[in-house]
Amino acid sequence: MSEKQEDISELLGRLEKLAKDEQLDLEREITDLKARLVPVQKNREVQPSSAWDRVCLARHVDRPGTLEYISMICDDFMQLHGDRCYGDDPALIGGIGSINGRAITFIGNQKGSNLKENIRRNHGMGHPEGYRKALRLAKQAEKFSRPIVTFIDTSGAYPGLEAEQRGIGEAIARNLKEFSVLKVPVICFIIGEGGSGGALGIGVGDKLYMLENAVYSVISPEGFASILLRDSSKAEQAANTMKITATDLKEFGIIHDIVSEPSGGAHKDPQFVASQIKDIISRDFDILCTKQPSRLVRYRIKKIRGIGHFNGPAGSWWDQLLNIYPLTRALR
């Protein structure tokens, strides 16, 4: 059997068995097995070659979440709870932390690391009270002139009946309106999945960044495949069509920049990713916090309104279409 074909679990089992054998001096064989184990492990860490690969990495169970990043970048952090209207939503967390002596309000989606935790946090899908809590903390930050950082990691807002009954649509719409005119700097990071209105509810800011293997879309690949391709099993095909990766969205001008990840995904070296996020936060706030509030709001709204605006080159199909449209109306 070749080295590439060797099973990693078999190598690890043999290695552990030999290491526990006190009667034999098998240091040479143990060293040899370790050397053979390295390329096998590297071969198992397949680098993402398609949008679907990045979707899988964005959903990886070990991928760091909001609380993990906050713990790595903040000197201290105090979590705050409740929307002062209905209750607290574990799927959307928030609080006040500090980086290099600067107080910052943090808001973000939080998934679980196991089944029990995922059920408690509803897989990071926020209820109306979660988005109202986010808005309460944002308005508090504005009152005390604290900049805001949001971490986005959700497949979407919770679509259940109780969420509709408590006004999920109104809660997200109000957040879109209020976040767009906040008089303090807002930086947003998409750290995993950025899905639909659930992501937009805390995704309006002065700067928007994506981790290298994060995704950002109006709907999940499964939903896209189910609606447009009439087959939810074609999610992989849908993902590769939707242009949802960080590279795609940077080309479209929707995000400002991409935060690189280690080989195999952010969960392989969370501290490396966290250090980059911390550097971006410190650098951007050093600039944004000196801006006049009215200027912040003006440029934030300009950026939002520019999303999706198409400027076609002279003589393009777009110009031809604009020239044809008045003619078709005249011929009616």
Protein backbone atom coordinates (compact mmCIF):
# COMPACT_ATOMS: atom_id res chain seq x y z
CA MET A 1 0.00 0.00 0.00
CA SER A 2 1.40 3.43 -0.95
CA GLU A 3 1.76 6.32 1.50
CA LYS A 4 -1.12 8.21 -0.12
CA GLN A 5 -3.40 5.19 0.27
CA GLU A 6 -2.57 4.51 3.90
CA ASP A 7 -5.39 5.07 6.34
CA ILE A 8 -4.67 7.81 8.86
CA SER A 9 -6.53 6.04 11.68
CA GLU A 10 -4.49 2.87 11.14
CA LEU A 11 -1.22 4.82 11.34
CA LEU A 12 -2.35 6.61 14.50
CA GLY A 13 -3.40 3.29 16.08
CA ARG A 14 -0.08 1.64 15.35
CA LEU A 15 1.76 4.70 16.62
CA GLU A 16 -0.14 4.73 19.91
CA LYS A 17 0.35 0.99 20.42
CA LEU A 18 4.09 1.22 19.85
CA ALA A 19 4.42 4.26 22.12
CA LYS A 20 2.82 2.32 25.02
CA ASP A 21 5.07 -0.73 24.61
CA GLU A 22 7.67 -0.29 27.37
CA GLN A 23 9.55 -3.53 26.63
CA LEU A 24 10.75 -2.58 23.16
CA ASP A 25 12.99 0.23 22.01
CA LEU A 26 11.15 1.20 18.86
CA GLU A 27 12.13 4.86 18.63
CA ARG A 28 13.26 4.45 15.02
CA GLU A 29 9.95 2.85 13.93
CA ILE A 30 7.92 5.46 15.82
CA THR A 31 9.90 8.23 14.10
CA ASP A 32 9.32 6.56 10.74
CA LEU A 33 5.56 6.30 11.36
CA LYS A 34 5.37 9.96 12.36
CA ALA A 35 7.15 10.95 9.16
CA ARG A 36 4.70 8.87 7.10
CA LEU A 37 1.76 10.40 8.98
CA VAL A 38 2.56 14.02 8.00
CA PRO A 39 1.90 13.76 4.22
CA VAL A 40 -1.25 11.69 4.83
CA GLN A 41 -2.65 14.40 7.12
CA LYS A 42 -1.79 17.08 4.57
CA ASN A 43 -3.54 15.14 1.81
CA ARG A 44 -6.70 14.94 3.94
CA GLU A 45 -6.83 18.76 4.30
CA VAL A 46 -8.34 19.44 0.89
CA GLN A 47 -8.03 23.08 -0.10
CA PRO A 48 -11.30 24.72 -1.19
CA SER A 49 -11.50 24.67 -4.98
CA SER A 50 -15.15 25.66 -5.39
CA ALA A 51 -17.84 27.79 -3.77
CA TRP A 52 -19.40 24.66 -2.28
CA ASP A 53 -16.11 23.77 -0.57
CA ARG A 54 -16.17 27.19 1.09
CA VAL A 55 -19.81 26.71 2.12
CA CYS A 56 -18.77 23.48 3.87
CA LEU A 57 -15.88 25.24 5.61
CA ALA A 58 -18.13 28.14 6.64
CA ARG A 59 -20.44 25.59 8.31
CA HIS A 60 -17.66 23.52 9.90
CA VAL A 61 -18.66 22.51 13.42
CA ASP A 62 -15.27 23.56 14.85
CA ARG A 63 -15.24 26.98 13.17
CA PRO A 64 -14.79 29.76 15.78
CA GLY A 65 -17.85 31.86 16.57
CA THR A 66 -18.45 35.36 17.88
CA LEU A 67 -17.71 34.60 21.54
CA GLU A 68 -14.50 32.76 20.63
CA TYR A 69 -13.18 35.70 18.60
CA ILE A 70 -14.21 38.21 21.27
CA SER A 71 -12.34 36.23 23.92
CA MET A 72 -9.19 36.26 21.75
CA ILE A 73 -9.20 39.93 20.74
CA CYS A 74 -10.62 41.70 23.81
CA ASP A 75 -8.75 42.63 26.96
CA ASP A 76 -12.05 42.18 28.81
CA PHE A 77 -15.70 41.67 27.87
CA MET A 78 -19.05 42.03 29.63
CA GLN A 79 -22.03 40.40 27.95
CA LEU A 80 -25.39 42.17 28.09
CA HIS A 81 -28.78 40.50 27.76
CA GLY A 82 -32.38 41.16 26.79
CA ASP A 83 -34.30 43.47 24.49
CA ARG A 84 -36.28 45.13 27.33
CA CYS A 85 -39.45 44.03 25.55
CA TYR A 86 -39.79 40.24 25.32
CA GLY A 87 -36.66 38.42 26.47
CA ASP A 88 -33.13 37.36 25.66
CA ASP A 89 -32.07 35.55 22.49
CA PRO A 90 -29.02 33.26 22.87
CA ALA A 91 -28.61 33.18 19.06
CA LEU A 92 -27.60 36.87 19.04
CA ILE A 93 -25.14 37.98 21.68
CA GLY A 94 -23.76 41.39 22.53
CA GLY A 95 -21.86 43.35 25.11
CA ILE A 96 -19.05 45.77 25.83
CA GLY A 97 -15.38 44.94 25.47
CA SER A 98 -12.11 46.79 25.18
CA ILE A 99 -9.15 46.60 22.80
CA ASN A 100 -6.02 48.53 23.75
CA GLY A 101 -8.04 50.69 26.14
CA ARG A 102 -10.79 51.56 23.64
CA ALA A 103 -14.32 50.57 24.69
CA ILE A 104 -16.24 48.85 21.89
CA THR A 105 -19.74 47.41 21.62
CA PHE A 106 -19.74 43.90 20.13
CA ILE A 107 -22.78 42.27 18.54
CA GLY A 108 -22.89 38.93 16.74
CA ASN A 109 -24.54 35.63 15.91
CA GLN A 110 -23.52 32.67 18.03
CA LYS A 111 -23.91 29.02 17.01
CA GLY A 112 -23.24 26.05 19.27
CA SER A 113 -20.29 23.68 19.31
CA ASN A 114 -22.44 20.58 19.94
CA LEU A 115 -26.05 19.44 19.50
CA LYS A 116 -27.26 20.64 22.90
CA GLU A 117 -25.64 24.05 22.49
CA ASN A 118 -26.94 24.39 18.92
CA ILE A 119 -30.48 23.72 20.09
CA ARG A 120 -30.16 26.34 22.83
CA ARG A 121 -28.76 28.90 20.41
CA ASN A 122 -31.11 27.87 17.59
CA HIS A 123 -28.15 27.29 15.24
CA GLY A 124 -27.42 31.03 15.28
CA MET A 125 -30.79 31.94 13.74
CA GLY A 126 -32.04 35.04 15.54
CA HIS A 127 -35.55 35.74 16.81
CA PRO A 128 -37.07 39.26 16.81
CA GLU A 129 -35.90 39.84 20.37
CA GLY A 130 -32.33 39.14 19.24
CA TYR A 131 -32.42 41.88 16.62
CA ARG A 132 -34.14 44.25 19.05
CA LYS A 133 -31.39 43.50 21.58
CA ALA A 134 -28.81 44.28 18.88
CA LEU A 135 -30.51 47.61 18.18
CA ARG A 136 -30.73 48.44 21.90
CA LEU A 137 -26.98 47.87 22.28
CA ALA A 138 -26.24 49.86 19.11
CA LYS A 139 -28.28 52.84 20.34
CA GLN A 140 -26.56 52.57 23.74
CA ALA A 141 -23.19 52.64 21.97
CA GLU A 142 -24.27 55.73 20.05
CA LYS A 143 -25.32 57.44 23.29
CA PHE A 144 -21.89 56.88 24.85
CA SER A 145 -19.89 57.38 21.61
CA ARG A 146 -18.63 53.79 21.50
CA PRO A 147 -17.75 52.27 18.09
CA ILE A 148 -19.48 49.04 17.13
CA VAL A 149 -18.20 45.71 15.76
CA THR A 150 -20.58 43.04 14.47
CA PHE A 151 -19.77 39.40 13.71
CA ILE A 152 -22.11 37.71 11.24
CA ASP A 153 -22.53 33.93 11.20
CA THR A 154 -26.05 32.73 10.44
CA SER A 155 -27.91 30.93 7.69
CA GLY A 156 -30.72 33.45 8.19
CA ALA A 157 -33.19 34.78 10.72
CA TYR A 158 -35.42 32.15 12.32
CA PRO A 159 -38.38 31.49 9.93
CA GLY A 160 -40.70 29.88 12.50
CA LEU A 161 -44.26 30.87 13.36
CA GLU A 162 -43.35 32.42 16.72
CA ALA A 163 -40.78 34.67 15.03
CA GLU A 164 -43.43 35.88 12.59
CA GLN A 165 -45.88 36.46 15.44
CA ARG A 166 -43.34 38.61 17.29
CA GLY A 167 -42.48 40.65 14.18
CA ILE A 168 -39.22 39.37 12.72
CA GLY A 169 -39.69 41.34 9.49
CA GLU A 170 -40.28 44.62 11.33
CA ALA A 171 -37.33 44.01 13.65
CA ILE A 172 -34.88 43.46 10.78
CA ALA A 173 -36.29 46.37 8.76
CA ARG A 174 -35.91 48.71 11.75
CA ASN A 175 -32.32 47.59 12.22
CA LEU A 176 -31.55 48.34 8.57
CA LYS A 177 -32.93 51.84 8.99
CA GLU A 178 -31.35 52.61 12.37
CA PHE A 179 -27.90 51.08 11.71
CA SER A 180 -27.60 53.10 8.50
CA VAL A 181 -27.81 56.39 10.43
CA LEU A 182 -25.88 55.53 13.60
CA LYS A 183 -23.55 58.39 14.52
CA VAL A 184 -20.70 56.08 15.57
CA PRO A 185 -18.38 53.93 13.42
CA VAL A 186 -19.59 50.41 12.61
CA ILE A 187 -17.37 47.59 11.28
CA CYS A 188 -18.90 44.28 10.20
CA PHE A 189 -17.18 40.91 9.80
CA ILE A 190 -18.74 37.89 8.09
CA ILE A 191 -16.99 35.06 9.92
CA GLY A 192 -19.00 32.10 8.60
CA GLU A 193 -22.36 32.10 6.86
CA GLY A 194 -23.94 35.42 5.96
CA GLY A 195 -27.46 34.46 5.04
CA SER A 196 -30.35 36.66 3.91
CA GLY A 197 -32.02 39.21 6.21
CA GLY A 198 -30.56 37.47 9.24
CA ALA A 199 -27.14 38.75 8.18
CA LEU A 200 -28.38 42.16 7.01
CA GLY A 201 -30.01 42.84 10.39
CA ILE A 202 -26.56 43.43 11.91
CA GLY A 203 -24.61 43.87 8.67
CA VAL A 204 -24.98 47.58 7.91
CA GLY A 205 -21.75 49.43 8.62
CA ASP A 206 -18.96 51.68 7.40
CA LYS A 207 -16.71 48.73 6.55
CA LEU A 208 -17.66 45.14 5.69
CA TYR A 209 -15.05 42.35 5.75
CA MET A 210 -15.28 38.64 4.99
CA LEU A 211 -13.13 35.78 6.13
CA GLU A 212 -11.56 33.91 3.23
CA ASN A 213 -13.86 30.88 3.53
CA ALA A 214 -17.01 32.75 4.56
CA VAL A 215 -20.05 33.08 2.28
CA TYR A 216 -22.62 35.87 1.88
CA SER A 217 -25.88 35.42 -0.01
CA VAL A 218 -29.54 36.33 -0.21
CA ILE A 219 -30.51 32.67 0.29
CA SER A 220 -28.80 29.39 1.13
CA PRO A 221 -27.60 27.18 -1.75
CA GLU A 222 -30.18 24.58 -0.69
CA GLY A 223 -32.96 27.18 -0.87
CA PHE A 224 -31.72 28.45 -4.24
CA ALA A 225 -31.61 24.92 -5.65
CA SER A 226 -35.06 24.09 -4.29
CA ILE A 227 -36.72 27.22 -5.74
CA LEU A 228 -34.91 27.79 -9.04
CA LEU A 229 -33.55 24.35 -9.89
CA ARG A 230 -36.55 22.48 -8.43
CA ASP A 231 -34.19 20.09 -6.68
CA SER A 232 -32.60 20.79 -3.28
CA SER A 233 -30.00 18.07 -3.91
CA LYS A 234 -28.38 20.39 -6.47
CA ALA A 235 -27.12 22.70 -3.73
CA GLU A 236 -23.49 22.25 -4.81
CA GLN A 237 -24.34 23.33 -8.35
CA ALA A 238 -26.31 26.28 -6.96
CA ALA A 239 -23.44 27.41 -4.73
CA ASN A 240 -21.07 27.50 -7.67
CA THR A 241 -23.56 29.64 -9.61
CA MET A 242 -24.55 32.16 -6.92
CA LYS A 243 -21.28 34.13 -6.62
CA ILE A 244 -21.29 34.01 -2.81
CA THR A 245 -17.58 33.75 -1.97
CA ALA A 246 -15.41 36.53 -0.56
CA THR A 247 -13.51 36.82 -3.85
CA ASP A 248 -16.73 37.27 -5.83
CA LEU A 249 -18.15 39.86 -3.47
CA LYS A 250 -14.94 41.86 -3.40
CA GLU A 251 -15.00 42.01 -7.19
CA PHE A 252 -18.57 43.32 -7.02
CA GLY A 253 -17.50 46.01 -4.52
CA ILE A 254 -19.87 44.77 -1.81
CA ILE A 255 -17.15 44.06 0.75
CA HIS A 256 -14.03 46.09 1.49
CA ASP A 257 -11.49 43.32 1.94
CA ILE A 258 -10.85 39.66 2.72
CA VAL A 259 -9.37 38.30 5.96
CA SER A 260 -7.10 35.37 5.12
CA GLU A 261 -7.43 32.00 6.86
CA PRO A 262 -4.88 29.26 7.54
CA SER A 263 -4.77 26.16 5.37
CA GLY A 264 -7.80 24.01 6.14
CA GLY A 265 -9.96 26.81 7.53
CA ALA A 266 -10.16 29.24 10.46
CA HIS A 267 -10.59 26.42 12.98
CA LYS A 268 -7.03 25.23 12.27
CA ASP A 269 -5.52 28.38 13.78
CA PRO A 270 -8.18 30.68 15.32
CA GLN A 271 -5.57 32.89 16.97
CA PHE A 272 -4.06 33.75 13.58
CA VAL A 273 -7.46 34.90 12.26
CA ALA A 274 -8.28 36.73 15.50
CA SER A 275 -5.02 38.69 15.37
CA GLN A 276 -5.89 39.91 11.87
CA ILE A 277 -9.38 40.93 12.96
CA LYS A 278 -7.93 42.79 15.94
CA ASP A 279 -5.45 44.66 13.71
CA ILE A 280 -8.25 45.67 11.30
CA ILE A 281 -10.45 46.91 14.15
CA SER A 282 -7.65 48.98 15.69
CA ARG A 283 -6.54 50.41 12.33
CA ASP A 284 -10.01 51.32 11.07
CA PHE A 285 -11.26 52.82 14.33
CA ASP A 286 -8.12 54.96 14.59
CA ILE A 287 -9.37 56.60 11.38
CA LEU A 288 -13.17 56.34 11.64
CA CYS A 289 -13.38 57.63 15.21
CA THR A 290 -11.89 60.95 14.07
CA LYS A 291 -14.65 61.51 11.50
CA GLN A 292 -17.60 63.80 12.13
CA PRO A 293 -20.82 61.81 12.78
CA SER A 294 -22.63 63.52 9.91
CA ARG A 295 -19.83 62.54 7.53
CA LEU A 296 -19.92 58.94 8.72
CA VAL A 297 -23.66 58.72 8.08
CA ARG A 298 -23.40 60.42 4.67
CA TYR A 299 -20.73 58.07 3.36
CA ARG A 300 -22.38 54.99 4.89
CA ILE A 301 -25.64 55.74 3.09
CA LYS A 302 -23.75 56.45 -0.12
CA LYS A 303 -22.03 53.07 0.14
CA ILE A 304 -25.32 51.26 0.77
CA ARG A 305 -27.06 52.94 -2.15
CA GLY A 306 -24.15 52.07 -4.44
CA ILE A 307 -24.59 48.32 -3.93
CA GLY A 308 -26.03 46.76 -7.07
CA HIS A 309 -25.62 49.91 -9.14
CA PHE A 310 -24.35 49.01 -12.59
CA ASN A 311 -22.15 51.30 -14.62
CA GLY A 312 -21.88 49.77 -18.08
CA PRO A 313 -19.03 50.75 -20.41
CA ALA A 314 -19.84 52.85 -23.46
CA GLY A 315 -21.33 50.76 -26.24
CA SER A 316 -22.12 47.87 -23.86
CA TRP A 317 -25.28 45.77 -23.95
CA TRP A 318 -26.60 47.96 -21.14
CA ASP A 319 -26.36 51.12 -23.27
CA GLN A 320 -27.96 49.28 -26.17
CA LEU A 321 -30.82 48.18 -23.93
CA LEU A 322 -31.38 51.75 -22.74
CA ASN A 323 -31.48 52.91 -26.35
CA ILE A 324 -33.93 50.18 -27.37
CA TYR A 325 -36.37 50.73 -24.48
CA PRO A 326 -37.73 54.15 -25.65
CA LEU A 327 -38.10 52.72 -29.18
CA THR A 328 -40.17 49.75 -27.99
CA ARG A 329 -42.49 52.08 -26.07
CA ALA A 330 -42.94 54.27 -29.17
CA LEU A 331 -43.90 51.24 -31.26
CA ARG A 332 -46.70 50.14 -28.90
